[in-house]
N, C-alpha and C. Protein backbone atom coordinates (compact mmCIF):
# COMPACT_ATOMS: atom_id res chain seq x y z
N UNK A 1 0.84 -1.18 0.00
CA UNK A 1 0.00 0.00 0.00
C UNK A 1 0.89 1.25 0.00
N UNK A 2 0.46 2.24 -0.77
CA UNK A 2 1.24 3.46 -0.90
C UNK A 2 0.83 4.48 0.15
N UNK A 3 1.82 5.04 0.81
CA UNK A 3 1.58 6.07 1.81
C UNK A 3 1.18 7.37 1.11
N UNK A 4 0.28 8.11 1.70
CA UNK A 4 -0.17 9.38 1.13
C UNK A 4 0.47 10.54 1.88
N UNK A 5 0.39 11.72 1.29
CA UNK A 5 0.92 12.93 1.92
C UNK A 5 0.04 13.32 3.10
N UNK A 6 0.64 13.94 4.09
CA UNK A 6 -0.10 14.39 5.26
C UNK A 6 -0.99 15.58 4.90
N UNK A 7 -1.95 15.88 5.75
CA UNK A 7 -2.83 17.03 5.55
C UNK A 7 -2.03 18.32 5.53
N UNK A 8 -1.01 18.41 6.38
CA UNK A 8 -0.16 19.60 6.41
C UNK A 8 0.60 19.75 5.10
N UNK A 9 1.15 18.65 4.59
CA UNK A 9 1.85 18.69 3.30
C UNK A 9 0.89 19.11 2.19
N UNK A 10 -0.31 18.56 2.18
CA UNK A 10 -1.29 18.92 1.16
C UNK A 10 -1.64 20.40 1.21
N UNK A 11 -1.79 20.94 2.42
CA UNK A 11 -2.07 22.37 2.56
C UNK A 11 -0.92 23.21 2.01
N UNK A 12 0.30 22.79 2.31
CA UNK A 12 1.48 23.50 1.82
C UNK A 12 1.51 23.51 0.29
N UNK A 13 1.27 22.34 -0.31
CA UNK A 13 1.30 22.27 -1.78
C UNK A 13 0.10 23.00 -2.39
N UNK A 14 -1.05 22.93 -1.76
CA UNK A 14 -2.23 23.67 -2.24
C UNK A 14 -1.93 25.17 -2.25
N UNK A 15 -1.33 25.67 -1.17
CA UNK A 15 -0.98 27.10 -1.11
C UNK A 15 0.03 27.47 -2.19
N UNK A 16 1.02 26.64 -2.39
CA UNK A 16 2.03 26.89 -3.42
C UNK A 16 1.40 26.92 -4.81
N UNK A 17 0.53 25.96 -5.08
CA UNK A 17 -0.15 25.90 -6.37
C UNK A 17 -1.07 27.10 -6.57
N UNK A 18 -1.76 27.51 -5.53
CA UNK A 18 -2.68 28.64 -5.62
C UNK A 18 -1.91 29.93 -5.89
N UNK A 19 -0.76 30.10 -5.24
CA UNK A 19 0.07 31.28 -5.50
C UNK A 19 0.57 31.29 -6.94
N UNK A 20 1.04 30.15 -7.41
CA UNK A 20 1.52 30.05 -8.79
C UNK A 20 0.39 30.32 -9.78
N UNK A 21 -0.80 29.83 -9.46
CA UNK A 21 -1.97 30.05 -10.30
C UNK A 21 -2.26 31.55 -10.42
N UNK A 22 -2.22 32.26 -9.30
CA UNK A 22 -2.49 33.70 -9.30
C UNK A 22 -1.42 34.45 -10.09
N UNK A 23 -0.16 34.09 -9.90
CA UNK A 23 0.93 34.76 -10.63
C UNK A 23 0.81 34.54 -12.13
N UNK A 24 0.56 33.30 -12.52
CA UNK A 24 0.45 33.01 -13.94
C UNK A 24 -0.75 33.69 -14.57
N UNK A 25 -1.85 33.72 -13.85
CA UNK A 25 -3.05 34.39 -14.37
C UNK A 25 -2.77 35.87 -14.62
N UNK A 26 -2.07 36.50 -13.69
CA UNK A 26 -1.71 37.91 -13.85
C UNK A 26 -0.75 38.11 -15.01
N UNK A 27 0.24 37.24 -15.12
CA UNK A 27 1.20 37.33 -16.22
C UNK A 27 0.49 37.17 -17.56
N UNK A 28 -0.42 36.22 -17.62
CA UNK A 28 -1.13 35.98 -18.88
C UNK A 28 -2.01 37.17 -19.25
N UNK A 29 -2.64 37.78 -18.27
CA UNK A 29 -3.46 38.96 -18.53
C UNK A 29 -2.60 40.09 -19.08
N UNK A 30 -1.43 40.27 -18.49
CA UNK A 30 -0.52 41.32 -18.94
C UNK A 30 -0.04 41.04 -20.37
N UNK A 31 0.31 39.79 -20.66
CA UNK A 31 0.77 39.44 -22.01
C UNK A 31 -0.35 39.65 -23.03
N UNK A 32 -1.57 39.27 -22.67
CA UNK A 32 -2.70 39.47 -23.57
C UNK A 32 -2.90 40.95 -23.85
N UNK A 33 -2.78 41.78 -22.82
CA UNK A 33 -2.93 43.22 -22.98
C UNK A 33 -1.83 43.77 -23.88
N UNK A 34 -0.61 43.30 -23.69
CA UNK A 34 0.49 43.76 -24.54
C UNK A 34 0.26 43.38 -26.00
N UNK A 35 -0.29 42.18 -26.23
CA UNK A 35 -0.59 41.76 -27.60
C UNK A 35 -1.67 42.65 -28.21
N UNK A 36 -2.68 42.97 -27.43
CA UNK A 36 -3.74 43.84 -27.93
C UNK A 36 -3.22 45.22 -28.24
N UNK A 37 -2.32 45.72 -27.40
CA UNK A 37 -1.78 47.07 -27.58
C UNK A 37 -0.71 47.14 -28.66
N UNK A 38 -0.18 46.00 -29.09
CA UNK A 38 0.90 46.03 -30.07
C UNK A 38 0.41 46.52 -31.43
N UNK A 39 -0.87 46.42 -31.68
CA UNK A 39 -1.44 46.92 -32.94
C UNK A 39 -2.05 48.30 -32.75
N UNK A 40 -1.54 49.07 -31.82
CA UNK A 40 -2.18 50.32 -31.45
C UNK A 40 -1.66 51.53 -32.19
N UNK A 41 -1.22 51.36 -33.42
CA UNK A 41 -0.86 52.52 -34.21
C UNK A 41 0.61 52.86 -34.26
N UNK A 42 1.47 52.01 -33.73
CA UNK A 42 2.89 52.27 -33.88
C UNK A 42 3.25 52.10 -35.34
N UNK A 43 3.97 53.08 -35.85
CA UNK A 43 4.36 53.01 -37.25
C UNK A 43 5.68 52.25 -37.34
N UNK A 44 5.71 51.25 -38.20
CA UNK A 44 6.93 50.47 -38.35
C UNK A 44 7.58 50.80 -39.69
N UNK A 45 8.88 50.69 -39.71
CA UNK A 45 9.62 50.92 -40.94
C UNK A 45 9.65 49.63 -41.76
N UNK A 46 9.71 49.76 -43.07
CA UNK A 46 9.83 48.55 -43.89
C UNK A 46 11.03 47.73 -43.45
N UNK A 47 10.84 46.46 -43.31
CA UNK A 47 11.92 45.58 -42.88
C UNK A 47 12.08 45.48 -41.38
N UNK A 48 11.33 46.28 -40.63
CA UNK A 48 11.41 46.23 -39.16
C UNK A 48 10.56 45.06 -38.67
N UNK A 49 11.22 44.08 -38.11
CA UNK A 49 10.51 42.87 -37.68
C UNK A 49 10.40 42.78 -36.16
N UNK A 50 10.78 43.85 -35.46
CA UNK A 50 10.80 43.76 -34.01
C UNK A 50 9.40 43.57 -33.43
N UNK A 51 8.38 44.26 -33.96
CA UNK A 51 7.02 44.06 -33.46
C UNK A 51 6.55 42.63 -33.67
N UNK A 52 6.85 42.09 -34.83
CA UNK A 52 6.46 40.71 -35.13
C UNK A 52 7.15 39.73 -34.21
N UNK A 53 8.42 39.99 -33.93
CA UNK A 53 9.17 39.12 -33.04
C UNK A 53 8.56 39.13 -31.65
N UNK A 54 8.26 40.32 -31.14
CA UNK A 54 7.71 40.43 -29.79
C UNK A 54 6.31 39.83 -29.71
N UNK A 55 5.53 39.98 -30.77
CA UNK A 55 4.21 39.36 -30.78
C UNK A 55 4.34 37.84 -30.73
N UNK A 56 5.23 37.30 -31.55
CA UNK A 56 5.43 35.85 -31.57
C UNK A 56 5.95 35.36 -30.22
N UNK A 57 6.89 36.10 -29.65
CA UNK A 57 7.44 35.74 -28.34
C UNK A 57 6.34 35.74 -27.29
N UNK A 58 5.51 36.79 -27.27
CA UNK A 58 4.41 36.86 -26.30
C UNK A 58 3.41 35.74 -26.51
N UNK A 59 3.14 35.39 -27.75
CA UNK A 59 2.22 34.27 -28.02
C UNK A 59 2.78 32.96 -27.50
N UNK A 60 4.09 32.76 -27.67
CA UNK A 60 4.72 31.55 -27.15
C UNK A 60 4.67 31.52 -25.63
N UNK A 61 4.91 32.66 -25.00
CA UNK A 61 4.80 32.73 -23.54
C UNK A 61 3.38 32.44 -23.08
N UNK A 62 2.40 32.99 -23.76
CA UNK A 62 1.00 32.73 -23.42
C UNK A 62 0.67 31.25 -23.51
N UNK A 63 1.15 30.61 -24.58
CA UNK A 63 0.89 29.18 -24.76
C UNK A 63 1.54 28.36 -23.64
N UNK A 64 2.80 28.66 -23.35
CA UNK A 64 3.51 27.95 -22.29
C UNK A 64 2.84 28.16 -20.93
N UNK A 65 2.53 29.43 -20.64
CA UNK A 65 1.88 29.74 -19.37
C UNK A 65 0.49 29.10 -19.29
N UNK A 66 -0.21 29.06 -20.41
CA UNK A 66 -1.52 28.42 -20.43
C UNK A 66 -1.41 26.93 -20.13
N UNK A 67 -0.39 26.28 -20.69
CA UNK A 67 -0.17 24.86 -20.41
C UNK A 67 0.15 24.64 -18.93
N UNK A 68 1.01 25.50 -18.38
CA UNK A 68 1.38 25.38 -16.97
C UNK A 68 0.16 25.63 -16.08
N UNK A 69 -0.64 26.62 -16.45
CA UNK A 69 -1.84 26.92 -15.66
C UNK A 69 -2.81 25.74 -15.67
N UNK A 70 -2.94 25.07 -16.80
CA UNK A 70 -3.79 23.86 -16.88
C UNK A 70 -3.24 22.77 -15.95
N UNK A 71 -1.92 22.59 -15.96
CA UNK A 71 -1.30 21.59 -15.08
C UNK A 71 -1.55 21.93 -13.61
N UNK A 72 -1.45 23.20 -13.27
CA UNK A 72 -1.69 23.64 -11.89
C UNK A 72 -3.14 23.38 -11.50
N UNK A 73 -4.07 23.73 -12.37
CA UNK A 73 -5.49 23.48 -12.08
C UNK A 73 -5.78 22.00 -11.91
N UNK A 74 -5.15 21.17 -12.73
CA UNK A 74 -5.34 19.73 -12.61
C UNK A 74 -4.72 19.20 -11.32
N UNK A 75 -3.59 19.76 -10.90
CA UNK A 75 -2.96 19.36 -9.63
C UNK A 75 -3.88 19.73 -8.46
N UNK A 76 -4.48 20.91 -8.51
CA UNK A 76 -5.42 21.31 -7.46
C UNK A 76 -6.62 20.36 -7.43
N UNK A 77 -7.07 19.93 -8.59
CA UNK A 77 -8.17 18.97 -8.65
C UNK A 77 -7.75 17.62 -8.05
N UNK A 78 -6.49 17.22 -8.29
CA UNK A 78 -6.00 15.96 -7.70
C UNK A 78 -5.96 16.05 -6.19
N UNK A 79 -5.64 17.22 -5.64
CA UNK A 79 -5.67 17.40 -4.19
C UNK A 79 -7.08 17.16 -3.69
N UNK A 80 -8.06 17.76 -4.34
CA UNK A 80 -9.46 17.61 -3.92
C UNK A 80 -9.94 16.16 -4.07
N UNK A 81 -9.45 15.47 -5.09
CA UNK A 81 -9.86 14.08 -5.33
C UNK A 81 -9.13 13.09 -4.43
N UNK A 82 -8.07 13.55 -3.77
CA UNK A 82 -7.34 12.69 -2.86
C UNK A 82 -6.24 11.86 -3.48
N UNK A 83 -5.84 12.18 -4.71
CA UNK A 83 -4.76 11.40 -5.33
C UNK A 83 -3.56 12.25 -5.73
N UNK A 84 -3.45 13.44 -5.12
CA UNK A 84 -2.29 14.29 -5.39
C UNK A 84 -1.04 13.64 -4.79
N UNK A 85 0.05 13.72 -5.55
CA UNK A 85 1.32 13.19 -5.07
C UNK A 85 1.55 11.74 -5.44
N UNK A 86 0.57 11.13 -6.11
CA UNK A 86 0.74 9.76 -6.57
C UNK A 86 1.05 9.78 -8.06
N UNK A 87 2.06 9.02 -8.45
CA UNK A 87 2.44 8.93 -9.85
C UNK A 87 1.28 8.35 -10.65
N UNK A 88 0.93 9.01 -11.74
CA UNK A 88 -0.18 8.54 -12.56
C UNK A 88 0.17 7.28 -13.33
N UNK A 89 1.44 6.93 -13.39
CA UNK A 89 1.86 5.73 -14.10
C UNK A 89 1.99 4.53 -13.17
N UNK A 90 2.81 4.65 -12.13
CA UNK A 90 3.10 3.50 -11.26
C UNK A 90 2.36 3.54 -9.93
N UNK A 91 1.64 4.63 -9.65
CA UNK A 91 0.85 4.81 -8.42
C UNK A 91 1.70 4.89 -7.15
N UNK A 92 3.01 5.09 -7.29
CA UNK A 92 3.88 5.27 -6.13
C UNK A 92 3.89 6.75 -5.75
N UNK A 93 4.24 7.01 -4.50
CA UNK A 93 4.30 8.38 -4.01
C UNK A 93 5.44 9.13 -4.72
N UNK A 94 5.13 10.33 -5.20
CA UNK A 94 6.15 11.20 -5.78
C UNK A 94 6.91 11.84 -4.63
N UNK A 95 8.23 11.86 -4.71
CA UNK A 95 9.04 12.43 -3.63
C UNK A 95 8.67 13.89 -3.38
N UNK A 96 8.65 14.26 -2.11
CA UNK A 96 8.32 15.65 -1.74
C UNK A 96 9.27 16.64 -2.39
N UNK A 97 10.54 16.26 -2.52
CA UNK A 97 11.52 17.15 -3.15
C UNK A 97 11.11 17.47 -4.58
N UNK A 98 10.60 16.47 -5.28
CA UNK A 98 10.14 16.69 -6.66
C UNK A 98 8.91 17.59 -6.67
N UNK A 99 7.99 17.34 -5.75
CA UNK A 99 6.78 18.16 -5.69
C UNK A 99 7.10 19.59 -5.28
N UNK A 100 8.13 19.77 -4.46
CA UNK A 100 8.53 21.14 -4.11
C UNK A 100 9.07 21.86 -5.34
N UNK A 101 9.81 21.15 -6.18
CA UNK A 101 10.38 21.75 -7.39
C UNK A 101 9.33 21.94 -8.48
N UNK A 102 8.46 20.95 -8.63
CA UNK A 102 7.41 20.97 -9.65
C UNK A 102 6.11 20.52 -8.98
N UNK A 103 5.40 21.44 -8.32
CA UNK A 103 4.24 21.04 -7.53
C UNK A 103 3.09 20.45 -8.34
N UNK A 104 3.11 20.61 -9.65
CA UNK A 104 2.06 20.03 -10.49
C UNK A 104 2.52 18.74 -11.18
N UNK A 105 3.62 18.16 -10.70
CA UNK A 105 4.16 16.94 -11.30
C UNK A 105 3.12 15.82 -11.26
N UNK A 106 3.02 15.11 -12.36
CA UNK A 106 2.09 13.98 -12.49
C UNK A 106 2.79 12.63 -12.27
N UNK A 107 4.10 12.63 -12.49
CA UNK A 107 4.84 11.38 -12.48
C UNK A 107 6.02 11.44 -11.53
N UNK A 108 6.38 10.29 -10.98
CA UNK A 108 7.61 10.20 -10.20
C UNK A 108 8.77 10.41 -11.17
N UNK A 109 9.94 10.63 -10.64
CA UNK A 109 11.09 10.96 -11.49
C UNK A 109 11.42 9.82 -12.45
N UNK A 110 11.32 8.57 -12.00
CA UNK A 110 11.64 7.44 -12.88
C UNK A 110 10.66 7.35 -14.05
N UNK A 111 9.36 7.50 -13.77
CA UNK A 111 8.37 7.43 -14.84
C UNK A 111 8.46 8.64 -15.77
N UNK A 112 8.83 9.81 -15.22
CA UNK A 112 9.01 11.00 -16.05
C UNK A 112 10.18 10.80 -17.00
N UNK A 113 11.28 10.26 -16.49
CA UNK A 113 12.44 10.00 -17.34
C UNK A 113 12.10 9.01 -18.44
N UNK A 114 11.37 7.97 -18.09
CA UNK A 114 10.97 6.97 -19.07
C UNK A 114 10.09 7.61 -20.15
N UNK A 115 9.15 8.43 -19.74
CA UNK A 115 8.27 9.09 -20.69
C UNK A 115 9.05 10.00 -21.62
N UNK A 116 10.04 10.71 -21.10
CA UNK A 116 10.86 11.59 -21.93
C UNK A 116 11.73 10.80 -22.88
N UNK A 117 12.26 9.66 -22.45
CA UNK A 117 13.06 8.80 -23.33
C UNK A 117 12.20 8.26 -24.47
N UNK A 118 10.96 7.90 -24.16
CA UNK A 118 10.06 7.34 -25.16
C UNK A 118 9.67 8.35 -26.22
N UNK A 119 9.72 9.64 -25.89
CA UNK A 119 9.37 10.68 -26.85
C UNK A 119 10.49 10.97 -27.83
N UNK A 120 11.70 10.64 -27.45
CA UNK A 120 12.87 10.97 -28.29
C UNK A 120 12.97 10.02 -29.45
């Protein structure tokens, strides 16, 4: 039988995830506003690609942050469901050190490494 995280540990991780959720939401709002404002009448010179570069960069940041925000929301749901901290592959407890580094981790380090090797 796999040991579960304590209530205190779960509260700590819930708070960490909630803070990250708030920060990312704010960052995403700011990036969206910057994208909207980038078409606000700045005159560009022919061959000037800086606006396009920054728009593309902001879009990539939005996509990455959106993915991370989804992972955070799913981790919060796992806390509520009672299966947070369990590897979705092998059902073993994910080390606290890993959860401190990546609080939305779905897999233990061994299963994560295996998954990454399989993608290559």
